[in-house]
Amino acid sequence: MLNDARGFSKIYIATGYSDLRKGIDGLANVIKFQFDLDPFQKDVLFLFCGRRTDRIKGLLWEGDGFLLLYKRLNLGSFRWPRNTSEALAITPEQYGMLMQGLEIVARKPIRETQPTLLC
């Protein structure tokens, strides 16, 4: 289920470190009060990662209740953005990259340069 983003209308990741000991109510409170988002948006996936990068939690409102997802990798780790503590909306392509263990946020932005003639 977590390898395919087609079932989600929107995906948010909580950048930084999250406390994965929290359950449904605790994560819903983080979404509502820390990120000022509505945890009751149908088919919107919220993802969280703790200090150990081999596991993530997801919270999804299905219209009749919450679904709490937990994934632990046998090998490898997730490349989680740690720069700030915000809810970052990501594209399905970025989600796929994240699930493959790739970085979704560049560490150094590509700088603009002035064109020069090559002679």
N, C-alpha and C. Protein backbone atom coordinates (compact mmCIF):
# COMPACT_ATOMS: atom_id res chain seq x y z
N MET A 1 0.82 -1.20 0.00
CA MET A 1 0.00 0.00 0.00
C MET A 1 0.86 1.26 0.00
N LEU A 2 1.92 1.28 0.78
CA LEU A 2 2.73 2.49 0.86
C LEU A 2 3.67 2.66 -0.33
N ASN A 3 3.75 1.68 -1.22
CA ASN A 3 4.63 1.82 -2.37
C ASN A 3 3.95 2.52 -3.54
N ASP A 4 2.64 2.71 -3.47
CA ASP A 4 1.89 3.29 -4.57
C ASP A 4 1.10 4.50 -4.08
N ALA A 5 1.28 5.64 -4.74
CA ALA A 5 0.65 6.89 -4.30
C ALA A 5 -0.68 7.16 -5.00
N ARG A 6 -1.14 6.26 -5.85
CA ARG A 6 -2.34 6.56 -6.64
C ARG A 6 -3.60 6.71 -5.80
N GLY A 7 -3.66 6.10 -4.64
CA GLY A 7 -4.86 6.17 -3.82
C GLY A 7 -4.97 7.43 -2.97
N PHE A 8 -3.97 8.30 -3.04
CA PHE A 8 -3.95 9.49 -2.19
C PHE A 8 -4.18 10.74 -3.03
N SER A 9 -5.05 11.63 -2.55
CA SER A 9 -5.29 12.88 -3.28
C SER A 9 -4.17 13.88 -3.02
N LYS A 10 -3.53 13.80 -1.87
CA LYS A 10 -2.43 14.69 -1.51
C LYS A 10 -1.55 13.96 -0.49
N ILE A 11 -0.26 14.31 -0.49
CA ILE A 11 0.68 13.69 0.45
C ILE A 11 1.50 14.78 1.12
N TYR A 12 1.55 14.74 2.44
CA TYR A 12 2.38 15.65 3.23
C TYR A 12 3.39 14.83 4.00
N ILE A 13 4.61 15.35 4.11
CA ILE A 13 5.58 14.74 5.01
C ILE A 13 5.94 15.76 6.09
N ALA A 14 6.07 15.26 7.30
CA ALA A 14 6.49 16.10 8.42
C ALA A 14 8.01 16.09 8.41
N THR A 15 8.62 17.19 7.97
CA THR A 15 10.08 17.25 7.93
C THR A 15 10.61 17.34 9.36
N GLY A 16 11.87 17.09 9.52
CA GLY A 16 12.44 17.09 10.86
C GLY A 16 12.20 15.74 11.52
N TYR A 17 12.22 15.72 12.84
CA TYR A 17 12.06 14.49 13.60
C TYR A 17 10.68 14.45 14.24
N SER A 18 10.01 13.32 14.15
CA SER A 18 8.71 13.13 14.78
C SER A 18 8.83 12.04 15.84
N ASP A 19 7.98 12.14 16.85
CA ASP A 19 7.93 11.14 17.90
C ASP A 19 7.01 10.01 17.43
N LEU A 20 7.60 8.89 17.02
CA LEU A 20 6.80 7.79 16.49
C LEU A 20 6.11 6.97 17.58
N ARG A 21 6.28 7.35 18.84
CA ARG A 21 5.52 6.69 19.90
C ARG A 21 4.08 7.16 19.90
N LYS A 22 3.81 8.28 19.22
CA LYS A 22 2.45 8.81 19.17
C LYS A 22 1.56 7.91 18.33
N GLY A 23 0.31 7.85 18.76
CA GLY A 23 -0.69 7.09 18.03
C GLY A 23 -1.54 8.01 17.16
N ILE A 24 -2.73 7.55 16.85
CA ILE A 24 -3.62 8.30 15.96
C ILE A 24 -3.92 9.68 16.51
N ASP A 25 -4.37 9.77 17.75
CA ASP A 25 -4.74 11.07 18.31
C ASP A 25 -3.55 12.01 18.42
N GLY A 26 -2.41 11.50 18.83
CA GLY A 26 -1.21 12.34 18.94
C GLY A 26 -0.76 12.89 17.60
N LEU A 27 -0.75 12.05 16.57
CA LEU A 27 -0.34 12.50 15.24
C LEU A 27 -1.37 13.46 14.65
N ALA A 28 -2.66 13.20 14.88
CA ALA A 28 -3.70 14.12 14.40
C ALA A 28 -3.55 15.49 15.06
N ASN A 29 -3.17 15.52 16.33
CA ASN A 29 -2.93 16.79 17.01
C ASN A 29 -1.73 17.53 16.44
N VAL A 30 -0.68 16.80 16.08
CA VAL A 30 0.48 17.43 15.44
C VAL A 30 0.05 18.07 14.12
N ILE A 31 -0.72 17.35 13.33
CA ILE A 31 -1.19 17.86 12.04
C ILE A 31 -2.01 19.13 12.25
N LYS A 32 -2.93 19.09 13.21
CA LYS A 32 -3.84 20.22 13.44
C LYS A 32 -3.15 21.42 14.07
N PHE A 33 -2.42 21.21 15.15
CA PHE A 33 -1.91 22.33 15.93
C PHE A 33 -0.50 22.77 15.57
N GLN A 34 0.35 21.86 15.15
CA GLN A 34 1.71 22.25 14.79
C GLN A 34 1.79 22.71 13.33
N PHE A 35 1.07 22.02 12.45
CA PHE A 35 1.16 22.34 11.03
C PHE A 35 -0.05 23.12 10.51
N ASP A 36 -1.06 23.32 11.36
CA ASP A 36 -2.26 24.08 11.00
C ASP A 36 -2.94 23.51 9.75
N LEU A 37 -3.03 22.18 9.70
CA LEU A 37 -3.71 21.49 8.61
C LEU A 37 -4.86 20.67 9.19
N ASP A 38 -5.78 20.27 8.34
CA ASP A 38 -6.93 19.49 8.76
C ASP A 38 -6.64 18.00 8.62
N PRO A 39 -6.54 17.26 9.72
CA PRO A 39 -6.26 15.83 9.62
C PRO A 39 -7.44 15.03 9.05
N PHE A 40 -8.62 15.66 8.95
CA PHE A 40 -9.81 14.98 8.46
C PHE A 40 -10.03 15.17 6.96
N GLN A 41 -9.00 15.53 6.23
CA GLN A 41 -9.10 15.61 4.77
C GLN A 41 -9.07 14.19 4.23
N LYS A 42 -10.10 13.82 3.49
CA LYS A 42 -10.21 12.44 3.00
C LYS A 42 -9.13 12.14 1.97
N ASP A 43 -8.53 10.96 2.10
CA ASP A 43 -7.51 10.44 1.19
C ASP A 43 -6.24 11.29 1.15
N VAL A 44 -5.96 12.04 2.20
CA VAL A 44 -4.72 12.80 2.31
C VAL A 44 -3.81 12.05 3.29
N LEU A 45 -2.63 11.70 2.81
CA LEU A 45 -1.68 10.93 3.61
C LEU A 45 -0.68 11.87 4.28
N PHE A 46 -0.52 11.72 5.59
CA PHE A 46 0.48 12.46 6.35
C PHE A 46 1.53 11.46 6.81
N LEU A 47 2.80 11.72 6.47
CA LEU A 47 3.89 10.81 6.81
C LEU A 47 4.82 11.42 7.85
N PHE A 48 5.31 10.58 8.75
CA PHE A 48 6.19 11.01 9.84
C PHE A 48 7.38 10.06 9.93
N CYS A 49 8.54 10.59 10.30
CA CYS A 49 9.74 9.77 10.47
C CYS A 49 10.43 10.21 11.76
N GLY A 50 10.86 9.24 12.54
CA GLY A 50 11.57 9.53 13.79
C GLY A 50 13.06 9.63 13.56
N ARG A 51 13.82 9.47 14.63
CA ARG A 51 15.28 9.54 14.52
C ARG A 51 15.85 8.32 13.80
N ARG A 52 15.21 7.20 13.92
CA ARG A 52 15.64 6.00 13.19
C ARG A 52 15.00 6.06 11.81
N THR A 53 15.81 6.13 10.80
CA THR A 53 15.29 6.37 9.45
C THR A 53 14.88 5.10 8.72
N ASP A 54 14.79 3.99 9.43
CA ASP A 54 14.34 2.77 8.77
C ASP A 54 12.84 2.53 8.98
N ARG A 55 12.16 3.49 9.62
CA ARG A 55 10.73 3.32 9.87
C ARG A 55 9.98 4.64 9.76
N ILE A 56 8.75 4.55 9.26
CA ILE A 56 7.89 5.72 9.12
C ILE A 56 6.48 5.34 9.58
N LYS A 57 5.71 6.37 9.92
CA LYS A 57 4.29 6.21 10.22
C LYS A 57 3.50 7.10 9.29
N GLY A 58 2.32 6.63 8.94
CA GLY A 58 1.42 7.41 8.11
C GLY A 58 0.06 7.49 8.76
N LEU A 59 -0.63 8.60 8.55
CA LEU A 59 -1.98 8.78 9.06
C LEU A 59 -2.87 9.19 7.90
N LEU A 60 -3.99 8.50 7.76
CA LEU A 60 -4.90 8.70 6.63
C LEU A 60 -6.33 8.67 7.13
N TRP A 61 -7.11 9.71 6.81
CA TRP A 61 -8.53 9.73 7.14
C TRP A 61 -9.28 9.14 5.95
N GLU A 62 -10.08 8.10 6.18
CA GLU A 62 -10.80 7.43 5.10
C GLU A 62 -12.26 7.81 5.02
N GLY A 63 -12.70 8.77 5.80
CA GLY A 63 -14.09 9.19 5.78
C GLY A 63 -14.89 8.62 6.94
N ASP A 64 -14.56 7.40 7.34
CA ASP A 64 -15.26 6.77 8.46
C ASP A 64 -14.34 6.47 9.64
N GLY A 65 -13.07 6.84 9.50
CA GLY A 65 -12.10 6.61 10.56
C GLY A 65 -10.69 6.79 10.05
N PHE A 66 -9.76 6.80 10.98
CA PHE A 66 -8.34 6.95 10.64
C PHE A 66 -7.72 5.58 10.36
N LEU A 67 -6.75 5.59 9.47
CA LEU A 67 -5.92 4.43 9.22
C LEU A 67 -4.50 4.82 9.61
N LEU A 68 -3.91 4.07 10.55
CA LEU A 68 -2.54 4.32 10.99
C LEU A 68 -1.64 3.30 10.31
N LEU A 69 -0.67 3.79 9.55
CA LEU A 69 0.24 2.93 8.80
C LEU A 69 1.62 2.97 9.44
N TYR A 70 2.30 1.85 9.42
CA TYR A 70 3.65 1.77 9.98
C TYR A 70 4.48 0.91 9.04
N LYS A 71 5.61 1.43 8.63
CA LYS A 71 6.49 0.66 7.76
C LYS A 71 7.89 0.67 8.34
N ARG A 72 8.47 -0.53 8.44
CA ARG A 72 9.85 -0.69 8.88
C ARG A 72 10.60 -1.46 7.80
N LEU A 73 11.70 -0.88 7.35
CA LEU A 73 12.50 -1.51 6.31
C LEU A 73 13.42 -2.57 6.90
N ASN A 74 13.59 -3.66 6.19
CA ASN A 74 14.57 -4.67 6.60
C ASN A 74 15.98 -4.18 6.34
N LEU A 75 16.19 -3.59 5.17
CA LEU A 75 17.49 -3.05 4.78
C LEU A 75 17.30 -1.64 4.26
N GLY A 76 18.27 -0.78 4.48
CA GLY A 76 18.21 0.57 3.95
C GLY A 76 17.51 1.54 4.88
N SER A 77 17.31 2.74 4.37
CA SER A 77 16.68 3.79 5.17
C SER A 77 15.99 4.79 4.25
N PHE A 78 15.09 5.55 4.85
CA PHE A 78 14.42 6.62 4.13
C PHE A 78 15.29 7.87 4.20
N ARG A 79 15.38 8.62 3.12
CA ARG A 79 16.13 9.88 3.07
C ARG A 79 15.16 11.00 3.40
N TRP A 80 15.03 11.28 4.67
CA TRP A 80 14.01 12.20 5.16
C TRP A 80 14.57 13.61 5.29
N PRO A 81 13.86 14.63 4.79
CA PRO A 81 14.33 16.01 4.96
C PRO A 81 14.30 16.40 6.44
N ARG A 82 15.42 16.85 6.97
CA ARG A 82 15.54 17.15 8.40
C ARG A 82 15.74 18.63 8.68
N ASN A 83 15.70 19.48 7.66
CA ASN A 83 16.10 20.87 7.84
C ASN A 83 15.16 21.67 8.74
N THR A 84 13.88 21.51 8.64
CA THR A 84 12.94 22.27 9.46
C THR A 84 11.82 21.35 9.92
N SER A 85 10.96 21.88 10.74
CA SER A 85 9.80 21.12 11.18
C SER A 85 8.56 21.75 10.57
N GLU A 86 8.20 21.25 9.41
CA GLU A 86 7.03 21.76 8.69
C GLU A 86 6.36 20.61 7.98
N ALA A 87 5.15 20.84 7.51
CA ALA A 87 4.47 19.86 6.68
C ALA A 87 4.73 20.25 5.23
N LEU A 88 5.41 19.39 4.52
CA LEU A 88 5.81 19.65 3.15
C LEU A 88 4.94 18.81 2.22
N ALA A 89 4.20 19.48 1.32
CA ALA A 89 3.40 18.76 0.33
C ALA A 89 4.35 18.24 -0.74
N ILE A 90 4.21 16.97 -1.07
CA ILE A 90 5.08 16.38 -2.09
C ILE A 90 4.24 15.79 -3.21
N THR A 91 4.86 15.65 -4.37
CA THR A 91 4.19 15.09 -5.54
C THR A 91 4.23 13.56 -5.48
N PRO A 92 3.39 12.90 -6.27
CA PRO A 92 3.48 11.44 -6.33
C PRO A 92 4.86 10.95 -6.78
N GLU A 93 5.53 11.71 -7.65
CA GLU A 93 6.87 11.33 -8.09
C GLU A 93 7.87 11.41 -6.93
N GLN A 94 7.78 12.49 -6.14
CA GLN A 94 8.66 12.62 -4.98
C GLN A 94 8.37 11.52 -3.96
N TYR A 95 7.10 11.19 -3.82
CA TYR A 95 6.72 10.10 -2.91
C TYR A 95 7.37 8.79 -3.35
N GLY A 96 7.32 8.51 -4.65
CA GLY A 96 7.96 7.30 -5.17
C GLY A 96 9.45 7.30 -4.91
N MET A 97 10.08 8.46 -5.08
CA MET A 97 11.52 8.57 -4.81
C MET A 97 11.81 8.31 -3.33
N LEU A 98 10.98 8.87 -2.46
CA LEU A 98 11.15 8.68 -1.02
C LEU A 98 11.03 7.20 -0.65
N MET A 99 10.06 6.51 -1.23
CA MET A 99 9.86 5.10 -0.93
C MET A 99 11.00 4.23 -1.47
N GLN A 100 11.73 4.74 -2.46
CA GLN A 100 12.88 4.01 -3.01
C GLN A 100 14.18 4.35 -2.28
N GLY A 101 14.10 5.23 -1.28
CA GLY A 101 15.28 5.59 -0.52
C GLY A 101 16.08 6.73 -1.13
N LEU A 102 15.47 7.47 -2.06
CA LEU A 102 16.16 8.59 -2.69
C LEU A 102 15.82 9.89 -1.98
N GLU A 103 16.68 10.88 -2.10
CA GLU A 103 16.42 12.20 -1.51
C GLU A 103 15.44 12.96 -2.39
N ILE A 104 14.50 13.65 -1.76
CA ILE A 104 13.53 14.42 -2.53
C ILE A 104 13.80 15.91 -2.48
N VAL A 105 14.69 16.33 -1.60
CA VAL A 105 15.05 17.74 -1.48
C VAL A 105 16.54 17.86 -1.72
N ALA A 106 16.91 18.69 -2.68
CA ALA A 106 18.33 18.87 -2.99
C ALA A 106 19.02 19.57 -1.83
N ARG A 107 20.23 19.14 -1.53
CA ARG A 107 20.98 19.77 -0.44
C ARG A 107 21.49 21.14 -0.84
N LYS A 108 21.92 21.26 -2.07
CA LYS A 108 22.40 22.54 -2.58
C LYS A 108 21.58 22.92 -3.79
N PRO A 109 20.98 24.08 -3.79
CA PRO A 109 20.21 24.47 -4.97
C PRO A 109 21.13 24.74 -6.15
N ILE A 110 20.61 24.50 -7.33
CA ILE A 110 21.36 24.80 -8.54
C ILE A 110 21.35 26.31 -8.73
N ARG A 111 22.53 26.87 -8.86
CA ARG A 111 22.63 28.32 -8.98
C ARG A 111 22.49 28.75 -10.44
N GLU A 112 21.94 29.92 -10.61
CA GLU A 112 21.81 30.50 -11.93
C GLU A 112 23.15 31.11 -12.33
N THR A 113 23.54 30.94 -13.57
CA THR A 113 24.80 31.50 -14.05
C THR A 113 24.53 32.38 -15.26
N GLN A 114 25.49 33.22 -15.55
CA GLN A 114 25.40 34.07 -16.73
C GLN A 114 25.97 33.31 -17.92
N PRO A 115 25.27 33.35 -19.05
CA PRO A 115 25.78 32.65 -20.22
C PRO A 115 27.06 33.30 -20.73
N THR A 116 27.98 32.49 -21.18
CA THR A 116 29.23 32.98 -21.77
C THR A 116 29.44 32.28 -23.10
N LEU A 117 30.17 32.92 -23.95
CA LEU A 117 30.49 32.33 -25.25
C LEU A 117 31.64 31.36 -25.09
N LEU A 118 31.51 30.24 -25.72
CA LEU A 118 32.58 29.25 -25.70
C LEU A 118 33.35 29.35 -27.01
N CYS A 119 34.52 29.93 -26.99
CA CYS A 119 35.33 30.09 -28.20
C CYS A 119 36.69 29.49 -28.01
